C-alpha atoms as a PDB file:
ATOM      1  CA  MET A   1     166.132  68.017 115.203  1.00  0.00           C
ATOM      2  CA  SER A   2     163.084  66.895 117.137  1.00  0.00           C
ATOM      3  CA  PRO A   3     160.010  65.616 115.300  1.00  0.00           C
ATOM      4  CA  GLN A   4     157.901  68.339 116.914  1.00  0.00           C
ATOM      5  CA  LEU A   5     160.235  71.064 115.675  1.00  0.00           C
ATOM      6  CA  GLY A   6     160.016  69.600 112.171  1.00  0.00           C
ATOM      7  CA  LEU A   7     156.215  69.518 112.352  1.00  0.00           C
ATOM      8  CA  ASP A   8     156.107  73.112 113.621  1.00  0.00           C
ATOM      9  CA  CYS A   9     158.383  74.333 110.837  1.00  0.00           C
ATOM     10  CA  LEU A  10     156.403  72.528 108.147  1.00  0.00           C
ATOM     11  CA  GLN A  11     153.106  73.858 109.534  1.00  0.00           C
ATOM     12  CA  ALA A  12     154.539  77.404 109.435  1.00  0.00           C
ATOM     13  CA  TYR A  13     155.677  76.823 105.845  1.00  0.00           C
ATOM     14  CA  ILE A  14     152.169  75.695 104.832  1.00  0.00           C
ATOM     15  CA  LYS A  15     150.527  78.605 106.646  1.00  0.00           C
ATOM     16  CA  ASN A  16     152.794  81.198 105.008  1.00  0.00           C
ATOM     17  CA  HIS A  17     153.173  79.500 101.619  1.00  0.00           C
ATOM     18  CA  SER A  18     153.137  81.498  98.409  1.00  0.00           C
ATOM     19  CA  VAL A  19     153.957  80.581  94.817  1.00  0.00           C
ATOM     20  CA  ARG A  20     157.242  82.483  95.182  1.00  0.00           C
ATOM     21  CA  ASP A  21     158.476  79.803  97.608  1.00  0.00           C
ATOM     22  CA  GLY A  22     159.193  77.506  94.691  1.00  0.00           C
ATOM     23  CA  VAL A  23     158.310  74.294  96.556  1.00  0.00           C
ATOM     24  CA  PRO A  24     154.680  73.168  96.398  1.00  0.00           C
ATOM     25  CA  LYS A  25     152.759  72.580  99.621  1.00  0.00           C
ATOM     26  CA  ASP A  26     152.272  68.919  98.663  1.00  0.00           C
ATOM     27  CA  TRP A  27     155.947  68.329  99.536  1.00  0.00           C
ATOM     28  CA  ALA A  28     155.333  69.739 103.019  1.00  0.00           C
ATOM     29  CA  TYR A  29     152.324  67.416 103.385  1.00  0.00           C
ATOM     30  CA  TYR A  30     154.553  64.522 102.282  1.00  0.00           C
ATOM     31  CA  ARG A  31     157.242  65.375 104.844  1.00  0.00           C
ATOM     32  CA  ILE A  32     154.667  65.703 107.644  1.00  0.00           C
ATOM     33  CA  ALA A  33     153.344  62.255 106.730  1.00  0.00           C
ATOM     34  CA  GLN A  34     156.896  60.873 106.942  1.00  0.00           C
ATOM     35  CA  ILE A  35     157.391  62.337 110.410  1.00  0.00           C
ATOM     36  CA  TYR A  36     154.147  60.814 111.658  1.00  0.00           C
ATOM     37  CA  LYS A  37     155.090  57.481 110.063  1.00  0.00           C
ATOM     38  CA  ASN A  38     158.443  57.553 111.857  1.00  0.00           C
ATOM     39  CA  LEU A  39     156.612  58.309 115.117  1.00  0.00           C
ATOM     40  CA  GLY A  40     154.406  55.262 114.549  1.00  0.00           C
ATOM     41  CA  ASP A  41     151.233  57.352 114.087  1.00  0.00           C
ATOM     42  CA  LYS A  42     149.578  55.583 111.163  1.00  0.00           C
ATOM     43  CA  ASN A  43     146.338  57.618 111.186  1.00  0.00           C
ATOM     44  CA  ASP A  44     147.994  61.040 111.041  1.00  0.00           C
ATOM     45  CA  ALA A  45     150.521  59.767 108.492  1.00  0.00           C
ATOM     46  CA  LEU A  46     147.703  58.541 106.257  1.00  0.00           C
ATOM     47  CA  ASN A  47     145.788  61.804 106.606  1.00  0.00           C
ATOM     48  CA  TRP A  48     148.784  63.854 105.481  1.00  0.00           C
ATOM     49  CA  ILE A  49     149.870  61.536 102.672  1.00  0.00           C
ATOM     50  CA  ASN A  50     146.310  61.552 101.329  1.00  0.00           C
ATOM     51  CA  LYS A  51     146.372  65.353 101.442  1.00  0.00           C
ATOM     52  CA  ALA A  52     149.585  65.328  99.388  1.00  0.00           C
ATOM     53  CA  LEU A  53     148.033  62.936  96.864  1.00  0.00           C
ATOM     54  CA  SER A  54     144.806  64.927  96.596  1.00  0.00           C
ATOM     55  CA  SER A  55     146.915  67.969  95.791  1.00  0.00           C
ATOM     56  CA  ARG A  56     148.856  66.112  93.068  1.00  0.00           C
ATOM     57  CA  SER A  57     147.606  62.719  91.909  1.00  0.00           C
ATOM     58  CA  ASP A  58     150.821  61.848  90.010  1.00  0.00           C
ATOM     59  CA  PHE A  59     153.047  62.275  93.100  1.00  0.00           C
ATOM     60  CA  GLU A  60     155.050  59.044  92.794  1.00  0.00           C
ATOM     61  CA  GLU A  61     157.053  59.469  95.999  1.00  0.00           C
ATOM     62  CA  ALA A  62     153.823  59.991  97.945  1.00  0.00           C
ATOM     63  CA  GLU A  63     152.305  56.864  96.403  1.00  0.00           C
ATOM     64  CA  GLU A  64     155.322  54.839  97.567  1.00  0.00           C
ATOM     65  CA  GLU A  65     155.151  56.433 101.020  1.00  0.00           C
ATOM     66  CA  LYS A  66     151.453  55.582 101.287  1.00  0.00           C
ATOM     67  CA  GLU A  67     152.223  51.919 100.605  1.00  0.00           C
ATOM     68  CA  GLN A  68     154.777  51.956 103.442  1.00  0.00           C
ATOM     69  CA  ILE A  69     152.305  53.646 105.794  1.00  0.00           C
ATOM     70  CA  LEU A  70     149.569  51.145 104.966  1.00  0.00           C
ATOM     71  CA  SER A  71     151.926  48.275 105.764  1.00  0.00           C
ATOM     72  CA  MET A  72     152.557  49.605 109.299  1.00  0.00           C
END
């Protein structure tokens, strides 16, 4: 799967999200941050990981991901 396809799918998920989906939007933010990190885009990765953390401050996986992004 291409990174752009992943980003498009996650953006559609966020846009159409409802509580019935069962997976919080902060996970989509987290995954978008990972894609940008893997593409070497530190600024976009940080923006999305910060969005995930602002949505849920005790998001341990996102905290670990942020450390990896900051070390880029």
